[in-house]
């Protein structure tokens, strides 16, 4: 029970601290602010492309954990 409480406190601490840590790459911000639409679309596509893979990896990891836990129970 105490271990779950500690994990919850750590999660809340991390969640609350990330709102104050806004940061961007200065070059990316400068490129987007110049008004070049094609460059901004390219940056947005790149960000989306880079964002997809961590979620896929986490999904695959949870899938294998689920399969492992299901196999251990039987």
PDB file of N, CA and C in Angstrom:
ATOM      1  N   UNK A   1       0.819  -1.197   0.000  1.00  0.00           N
ATOM      2  CA  UNK A   1       0.000   0.000   0.000  1.00  0.00           C
ATOM      3  C   UNK A   1       0.859   1.255   0.000  1.00  0.00           C
ATOM      4  N   UNK A   2       1.895   1.244   0.813  1.00  0.00           N
ATOM      5  CA  UNK A   2       2.778   2.398   0.906  1.00  0.00           C
ATOM      6  C   UNK A   2       3.536   2.605  -0.399  1.00  0.00           C
ATOM      7  N   UNK A   3       3.889   1.503  -1.068  1.00  0.00           N
ATOM      8  CA  UNK A   3       4.606   1.597  -2.330  1.00  0.00           C
ATOM      9  C   UNK A   3       3.744   2.280  -3.397  1.00  0.00           C
ATOM     10  N   UNK A   4       2.448   1.961  -3.432  1.00  0.00           N
ATOM     11  CA  UNK A   4       1.535   2.606  -4.388  1.00  0.00           C
ATOM     12  C   UNK A   4       1.412   4.093  -4.096  1.00  0.00           C
ATOM     13  N   UNK A   5       1.398   4.433  -2.830  1.00  0.00           N
ATOM     14  CA  UNK A   5       1.302   5.837  -2.438  1.00  0.00           C
ATOM     15  C   UNK A   5       2.539   6.604  -2.891  1.00  0.00           C
ATOM     16  N   UNK A   6       3.711   6.001  -2.746  1.00  0.00           N
ATOM     17  CA  UNK A   6       4.949   6.639  -3.192  1.00  0.00           C
ATOM     18  C   UNK A   6       4.947   6.833  -4.702  1.00  0.00           C
ATOM     19  N   UNK A   7       4.497   5.833  -5.434  1.00  0.00           N
ATOM     20  CA  UNK A   7       4.427   5.953  -6.894  1.00  0.00           C
ATOM     21  C   UNK A   7       3.467   7.058  -7.301  1.00  0.00           C
ATOM     22  N   UNK A   8       2.343   7.169  -6.612  1.00  0.00           N
ATOM     23  CA  UNK A   8       1.374   8.218  -6.897  1.00  0.00           C
ATOM     24  C   UNK A   8       1.972   9.601  -6.629  1.00  0.00           C
ATOM     25  N   UNK A   9       2.690   9.746  -5.520  1.00  0.00           N
ATOM     26  CA  UNK A   9       3.327  11.018  -5.208  1.00  0.00           C
ATOM     27  C   UNK A   9       4.372  11.394  -6.248  1.00  0.00           C
ATOM     28  N   UNK A  10       5.161  10.433  -6.693  1.00  0.00           N
ATOM     29  CA  UNK A  10       6.171  10.702  -7.718  1.00  0.00           C
ATOM     30  C   UNK A  10       5.497  11.109  -9.020  1.00  0.00           C
ATOM     31  N   UNK A  11       4.436  10.427  -9.391  1.00  0.00           N
ATOM     32  CA  UNK A  11       3.711  10.763 -10.619  1.00  0.00           C
ATOM     33  C   UNK A  11       3.145  12.180 -10.543  1.00  0.00           C
ATOM     34  N   UNK A  12       2.529  12.521  -9.440  1.00  0.00           N
ATOM     35  CA  UNK A  12       1.954  13.858  -9.273  1.00  0.00           C
ATOM     36  C   UNK A  12       3.058  14.910  -9.313  1.00  0.00           C
ATOM     37  N   UNK A  13       4.174  14.651  -8.660  1.00  0.00           N
ATOM     38  CA  UNK A  13       5.299  15.587  -8.659  1.00  0.00           C
ATOM     39  C   UNK A  13       5.817  15.821 -10.073  1.00  0.00           C
ATOM     40  N   UNK A  14       6.001  14.756 -10.830  1.00  0.00           N
ATOM     41  CA  UNK A  14       6.505  14.886 -12.204  1.00  0.00           C
ATOM     42  C   UNK A  14       5.478  15.605 -13.066  1.00  0.00           C
ATOM     43  N   UNK A  15       4.213  15.262 -12.920  1.00  0.00           N
ATOM     44  CA  UNK A  15       3.162  15.883 -13.725  1.00  0.00           C
ATOM     45  C   UNK A  15       3.075  17.376 -13.453  1.00  0.00           C
ATOM     46  N   UNK A  16       3.168  17.779 -12.216  1.00  0.00           N
ATOM     47  CA  UNK A  16       3.063  19.190 -11.880  1.00  0.00           C
ATOM     48  C   UNK A  16       4.298  19.977 -12.293  1.00  0.00           C
ATOM     49  N   UNK A  17       5.450  19.360 -12.299  1.00  0.00           N
ATOM     50  CA  UNK A  17       6.675  20.061 -12.670  1.00  0.00           C
ATOM     51  C   UNK A  17       6.836  20.222 -14.180  1.00  0.00           C
ATOM     52  N   UNK A  18       6.212  19.389 -14.977  1.00  0.00           N
ATOM     53  CA  UNK A  18       6.389  19.513 -16.417  1.00  0.00           C
ATOM     54  C   UNK A  18       5.685  20.735 -16.976  1.00  0.00           C
ATOM     55  N   UNK A  19       4.674  21.248 -16.293  1.00  0.00           N
ATOM     56  CA  UNK A  19       3.975  22.426 -16.805  1.00  0.00           C
ATOM     57  C   UNK A  19       4.859  23.663 -16.753  1.00  0.00           C
ATOM     58  N   UNK A  20       5.868  23.676 -15.910  1.00  0.00           N
ATOM     59  CA  UNK A  20       6.746  24.836 -15.819  1.00  0.00           C
ATOM     60  C   UNK A  20       7.978  24.703 -16.693  1.00  0.00           C
ATOM     61  N   UNK A  21       8.136  23.605 -17.381  1.00  0.00           N
ATOM     62  CA  UNK A  21       9.356  23.383 -18.159  1.00  0.00           C
ATOM     63  C   UNK A  21       9.100  23.441 -19.655  1.00  0.00           C
ATOM     64  N   UNK A  22       8.389  24.479 -20.109  1.00  0.00           N
ATOM     65  CA  UNK A  22       8.175  24.661 -21.532  1.00  0.00           C
ATOM     66  C   UNK A  22       9.502  25.059 -22.177  1.00  0.00           C
ATOM     67  N   UNK A  23       9.852  24.361 -23.232  1.00  0.00           N
ATOM     68  CA  UNK A  23      11.077  24.719 -23.946  1.00  0.00           C
ATOM     69  C   UNK A  23      10.945  24.293 -25.391  1.00  0.00           C
ATOM     70  N   UNK A  24      11.650  24.982 -26.252  1.00  0.00           N
ATOM     71  CA  UNK A  24      11.650  24.680 -27.668  1.00  0.00           C
ATOM     72  C   UNK A  24      13.053  24.890 -28.201  1.00  0.00           C
ATOM     73  N   UNK A  25      13.276  24.272 -29.323  1.00  0.00           N
ATOM     74  CA  UNK A  25      14.512  24.523 -30.039  1.00  0.00           C
ATOM     75  C   UNK A  25      14.410  25.923 -30.653  1.00  0.00           C
ATOM     76  N   UNK A  26      15.399  26.763 -30.425  1.00  0.00           N
ATOM     77  CA  UNK A  26      15.349  28.138 -30.935  1.00  0.00           C
ATOM     78  C   UNK A  26      15.311  28.170 -32.456  1.00  0.00           C
ATOM     79  N   UNK A  27      16.018  27.256 -33.106  1.00  0.00           N
ATOM     80  CA  UNK A  27      16.046  27.243 -34.567  1.00  0.00           C
ATOM     81  C   UNK A  27      14.694  26.803 -35.131  1.00  0.00           C
ATOM     82  N   UNK A  28      14.070  25.817 -34.521  1.00  0.00           N
ATOM     83  CA  UNK A  28      12.761  25.367 -34.996  1.00  0.00           C
ATOM     84  C   UNK A  28      11.734  26.486 -34.852  1.00  0.00           C
ATOM     85  N   UNK A  29      11.766  27.166 -33.741  1.00  0.00           N
ATOM     86  CA  UNK A  29      10.832  28.258 -33.508  1.00  0.00           C
ATOM     87  C   UNK A  29      11.067  29.377 -34.518  1.00  0.00           C
ATOM     88  N   UNK A  30      12.320  29.690 -34.812  1.00  0.00           N
ATOM     89  CA  UNK A  30      12.634  30.753 -35.766  1.00  0.00           C
ATOM     90  C   UNK A  30      12.158  30.392 -37.175  1.00  0.00           C
ATOM     91  N   UNK A  31      12.308  29.140 -37.552  1.00  0.00           N
ATOM     92  CA  UNK A  31      11.876  28.708 -38.882  1.00  0.00           C
ATOM     93  C   UNK A  31      10.364  28.793 -39.005  1.00  0.00           C
ATOM     94  N   UNK A  32       9.658  28.366 -37.977  1.00  0.00           N
ATOM     95  CA  UNK A  32       8.198  28.385 -38.025  1.00  0.00           C
ATOM     96  C   UNK A  32       7.676  29.824 -38.017  1.00  0.00           C
ATOM     97  N   UNK A  33       8.338  30.698 -37.293  1.00  0.00           N
ATOM     98  CA  UNK A  33       7.879  32.075 -37.202  1.00  0.00           C
ATOM     99  C   UNK A  33       8.145  32.893 -38.460  1.00  0.00           C
ATOM    100  N   UNK A  34       8.989  32.404 -39.378  1.00  0.00           N
ATOM    101  CA  UNK A  34       9.267  33.161 -40.598  1.00  0.00           C
ATOM    102  C   UNK A  34       8.078  33.182 -41.529  1.00  0.00           C
ATOM    103  N   UNK A  35       7.132  32.300 -41.337  1.00  0.00           N
ATOM    104  CA  UNK A  35       5.932  32.305 -42.151  1.00  0.00           C
ATOM    105  C   UNK A  35       6.000  31.379 -43.337  1.00  0.00           C
ATOM    106  N   UNK A  36       7.066  30.598 -43.479  1.00  0.00           N
ATOM    107  CA  UNK A  36       7.187  29.650 -44.577  1.00  0.00           C
ATOM    108  C   UNK A  36       6.300  28.439 -44.272  1.00  0.00           C
ATOM    109  N   UNK A  37       5.190  28.330 -44.980  1.00  0.00           N
ATOM    110  CA  UNK A  37       4.187  27.306 -44.694  1.00  0.00           C
ATOM    111  C   UNK A  37       4.722  25.909 -44.965  1.00  0.00           C
ATOM    112  N   UNK A  38       5.447  25.726 -46.061  1.00  0.00           N
ATOM    113  CA  UNK A  38       5.953  24.383 -46.381  1.00  0.00           C
ATOM    114  C   UNK A  38       6.971  23.912 -45.343  1.00  0.00           C
ATOM    115  N   UNK A  39       7.790  24.831 -44.861  1.00  0.00           N
ATOM    116  CA  UNK A  39       8.767  24.462 -43.833  1.00  0.00           C
ATOM    117  C   UNK A  39       8.048  24.107 -42.538  1.00  0.00           C
ATOM    118  N   UNK A  40       7.026  24.863 -42.172  1.00  0.00           N
ATOM    119  CA  UNK A  40       6.273  24.567 -40.947  1.00  0.00           C
ATOM    120  C   UNK A  40       5.560  23.224 -41.057  1.00  0.00           C
ATOM    121  N   UNK A  41       5.005  22.919 -42.231  1.00  0.00           N
ATOM    122  CA  UNK A  41       4.352  21.619 -42.423  1.00  0.00           C
ATOM    123  C   UNK A  41       5.370  20.488 -42.309  1.00  0.00           C
ATOM    124  N   UNK A  42       6.562  20.703 -42.845  1.00  0.00           N
ATOM    125  CA  UNK A  42       7.615  19.694 -42.738  1.00  0.00           C
ATOM    126  C   UNK A  42       8.026  19.449 -41.307  1.00  0.00           C
ATOM    127  N   UNK A  43       8.134  20.513 -40.539  1.00  0.00           N
ATOM    128  CA  UNK A  43       8.492  20.364 -39.122  1.00  0.00           C
ATOM    129  C   UNK A  43       7.385  19.640 -38.371  1.00  0.00           C
ATOM    130  N   UNK A  44       6.138  19.999 -38.648  1.00  0.00           N
ATOM    131  CA  UNK A  44       5.014  19.318 -37.984  1.00  0.00           C
ATOM    132  C   UNK A  44       4.971  17.842 -38.353  1.00  0.00           C
ATOM    133  N   UNK A  45       5.213  17.515 -39.621  1.00  0.00           N
ATOM    134  CA  UNK A  45       5.241  16.105 -40.032  1.00  0.00           C
ATOM    135  C   UNK A  45       6.381  15.361 -39.355  1.00  0.00           C
ATOM    136  N   UNK A  46       7.526  16.010 -39.233  1.00  0.00           N
ATOM    137  CA  UNK A  46       8.664  15.379 -38.561  1.00  0.00           C
ATOM    138  C   UNK A  46       8.388  15.123 -37.096  1.00  0.00           C
ATOM    139  N   UNK A  47       7.755  16.076 -36.443  1.00  0.00           N
ATOM    140  CA  UNK A  47       7.414  15.903 -35.033  1.00  0.00           C
ATOM    141  C   UNK A  47       6.432  14.750 -34.864  1.00  0.00           C
ATOM    142  N   UNK A  48       5.443  14.691 -35.742  1.00  0.00           N
ATOM    143  CA  UNK A  48       4.462  13.601 -35.676  1.00  0.00           C
ATOM    144  C   UNK A  48       5.140  12.257 -35.908  1.00  0.00           C
ATOM    145  N   UNK A  49       6.033  12.196 -36.888  1.00  0.00           N
ATOM    146  CA  UNK A  49       6.753  10.966 -37.195  1.00  0.00           C
ATOM    147  C   UNK A  49       7.581  10.512 -36.000  1.00  0.00           C
ATOM    148  N   UNK A  50       8.281  11.445 -35.366  1.00  0.00           N
ATOM    149  CA  UNK A  50       9.108  11.092 -34.213  1.00  0.00           C
ATOM    150  C   UNK A  50       8.270  10.739 -32.986  1.00  0.00           C
ATOM    151  N   UNK A  51       7.057  11.278 -32.900  1.00  0.00           N
ATOM    152  CA  UNK A  51       6.204  11.033 -31.747  1.00  0.00           C
ATOM    153  C   UNK A  51       5.537   9.660 -31.810  1.00  0.00           C
ATOM    154  N   UNK A  52       5.321   9.120 -32.998  1.00  0.00           N
ATOM    155  CA  UNK A  52       4.588   7.868 -33.156  1.00  0.00           C
ATOM    156  C   UNK A  52       5.375   6.680 -32.601  1.00  0.00           C
ATOM    157  N   UNK A  53       6.662   6.641 -32.824  1.00  0.00           N
ATOM    158  CA  UNK A  53       7.439   5.453 -32.478  1.00  0.00           C
ATOM    159  C   UNK A  53       7.519   5.155 -30.980  1.00  0.00           C
ATOM    160  N   UNK A  54       7.690   6.131 -30.097  1.00  0.00           N
ATOM    161  CA  UNK A  54       7.660   5.777 -28.669  1.00  0.00           C
ATOM    162  C   UNK A  54       6.326   5.164 -28.248  1.00  0.00           C
ATOM    163  N   UNK A  55       5.218   5.691 -28.785  1.00  0.00           N
ATOM    164  CA  UNK A  55       3.909   5.123 -28.440  1.00  0.00           C
ATOM    165  C   UNK A  55       3.770   3.702 -28.981  1.00  0.00           C
ATOM    166  N   UNK A  56       4.275   3.461 -30.179  1.00  0.00           N
ATOM    167  CA  UNK A  56       4.233   2.099 -30.718  1.00  0.00           C
ATOM    168  C   UNK A  56       5.067   1.145 -29.873  1.00  0.00           C
ATOM    169  N   UNK A  57       6.251   1.583 -29.481  1.00  0.00           N
ATOM    170  CA  UNK A  57       7.111   0.724 -28.657  1.00  0.00           C
ATOM    171  C   UNK A  57       6.471   0.424 -27.305  1.00  0.00           C
ATOM    172  N   UNK A  58       5.865   1.427 -26.697  1.00  0.00           N
ATOM    173  CA  UNK A  58       5.195   1.206 -25.412  1.00  0.00           C
ATOM    174  C   UNK A  58       4.008   0.268 -25.592  1.00  0.00           C
ATOM    175  N   UNK A  59       3.261   0.428 -26.680  1.00  0.00           N
ATOM    176  CA  UNK A  59       2.134  -0.462 -26.955  1.00  0.00           C
ATOM    177  C   UNK A  59       2.580  -1.899 -27.140  1.00  0.00           C
ATOM    178  N   UNK A  60       3.665  -2.108 -27.884  1.00  0.00           N
ATOM    179  CA  UNK A  60       4.185  -3.459 -28.093  1.00  0.00           C
ATOM    180  C   UNK A  60       4.678  -4.039 -26.777  1.00  0.00           C
ATOM    181  N   UNK A  61       5.336  -3.224 -25.969  1.00  0.00           N
ATOM    182  CA  UNK A  61       5.816  -3.686 -24.668  1.00  0.00           C
ATOM    183  C   UNK A  61       4.656  -4.135 -23.789  1.00  0.00           C
ATOM    184  N   UNK A  62       3.599  -3.315 -23.704  1.00  0.00           N
ATOM    185  CA  UNK A  62       2.442  -3.696 -22.901  1.00  0.00           C
ATOM    186  C   UNK A  62       1.742  -4.927 -23.460  1.00  0.00           C
ATOM    187  N   UNK A  63       1.732  -5.088 -24.775  1.00  0.00           N
ATOM    188  CA  UNK A  63       1.130  -6.273 -25.382  1.00  0.00           C
ATOM    189  C   UNK A  63       1.877  -7.530 -24.941  1.00  0.00           C
ATOM    190  N   UNK A  64       3.209  -7.476 -24.994  1.00  0.00           N
ATOM    191  CA  UNK A  64       3.981  -8.655 -24.593  1.00  0.00           C
ATOM    192  C   UNK A  64       3.885  -8.916 -23.093  1.00  0.00           C
ATOM    193  N   UNK A  65       3.793  -7.862 -22.293  1.00  0.00           N
ATOM    194  CA  UNK A  65       3.595  -8.052 -20.858  1.00  0.00           C
ATOM    195  C   UNK A  65       2.249  -8.702 -20.605  1.00  0.00           C
ATOM    196  N   UNK A  66       1.212  -8.251 -21.313  1.00  0.00           N
ATOM    197  CA  UNK A  66      -0.119  -8.843 -21.185  1.00  0.00           C
ATOM    198  C   UNK A  66      -0.105 -10.309 -21.578  1.00  0.00           C
ATOM    199  N   UNK A  67       0.544 -10.615 -22.702  1.00  0.00           N
ATOM    200  CA  UNK A  67       0.613 -12.013 -23.153  1.00  0.00           C
ATOM    201  C   UNK A  67       1.382 -12.866 -22.155  1.00  0.00           C
ATOM    202  N   UNK A  68       2.466 -12.315 -21.599  1.00  0.00           N
ATOM    203  CA  UNK A  68       3.248 -13.061 -20.616  1.00  0.00           C
ATOM    204  C   UNK A  68       2.429 -13.325 -19.361  1.00  0.00           C
ATOM    205  N   UNK A  69       1.747 -12.292 -18.856  1.00  0.00           N
ATOM    206  CA  UNK A  69       0.940 -12.460 -17.641  1.00  0.00           C
ATOM    207  C   UNK A  69      -0.201 -13.436 -17.878  1.00  0.00           C
ATOM    208  N   UNK A  70      -0.796 -13.395 -19.064  1.00  0.00           N
ATOM    209  CA  UNK A  70      -1.890 -14.308 -19.380  1.00  0.00           C
ATOM    210  C   UNK A  70      -1.384 -15.748 -19.454  1.00  0.00           C
ATOM    211  N   UNK A  71      -0.183 -15.936 -19.987  1.00  0.00           N
ATOM    212  CA  UNK A  71       0.394 -17.274 -20.089  1.00  0.00           C
ATOM    213  C   UNK A  71       0.812 -17.830 -18.753  1.00  0.00           C
ATOM    214  N   UNK A  72       1.246 -16.991 -17.836  1.00  0.00           N
ATOM    215  CA  UNK A  72       1.688 -17.433 -16.509  1.00  0.00           C
ATOM    216  C   UNK A  72       0.497 -17.903 -15.691  1.00  0.00           C
ATOM    217  N   UNK A  73      -0.660 -17.261 -15.834  1.00  0.00           N
ATOM    218  CA  UNK A  73      -1.847 -17.627 -15.068  1.00  0.00           C
ATOM    219  C   UNK A  73      -2.359 -19.012 -15.422  1.00  0.00           C
ATOM    220  N   UNK A  74      -2.223 -19.412 -16.671  1.00  0.00           N
ATOM    221  CA  UNK A  74      -2.767 -20.718 -17.121  1.00  0.00           C
ATOM    222  C   UNK A  74      -1.917 -21.850 -16.690  1.00  0.00           C
TER     223      UNK A  74
END
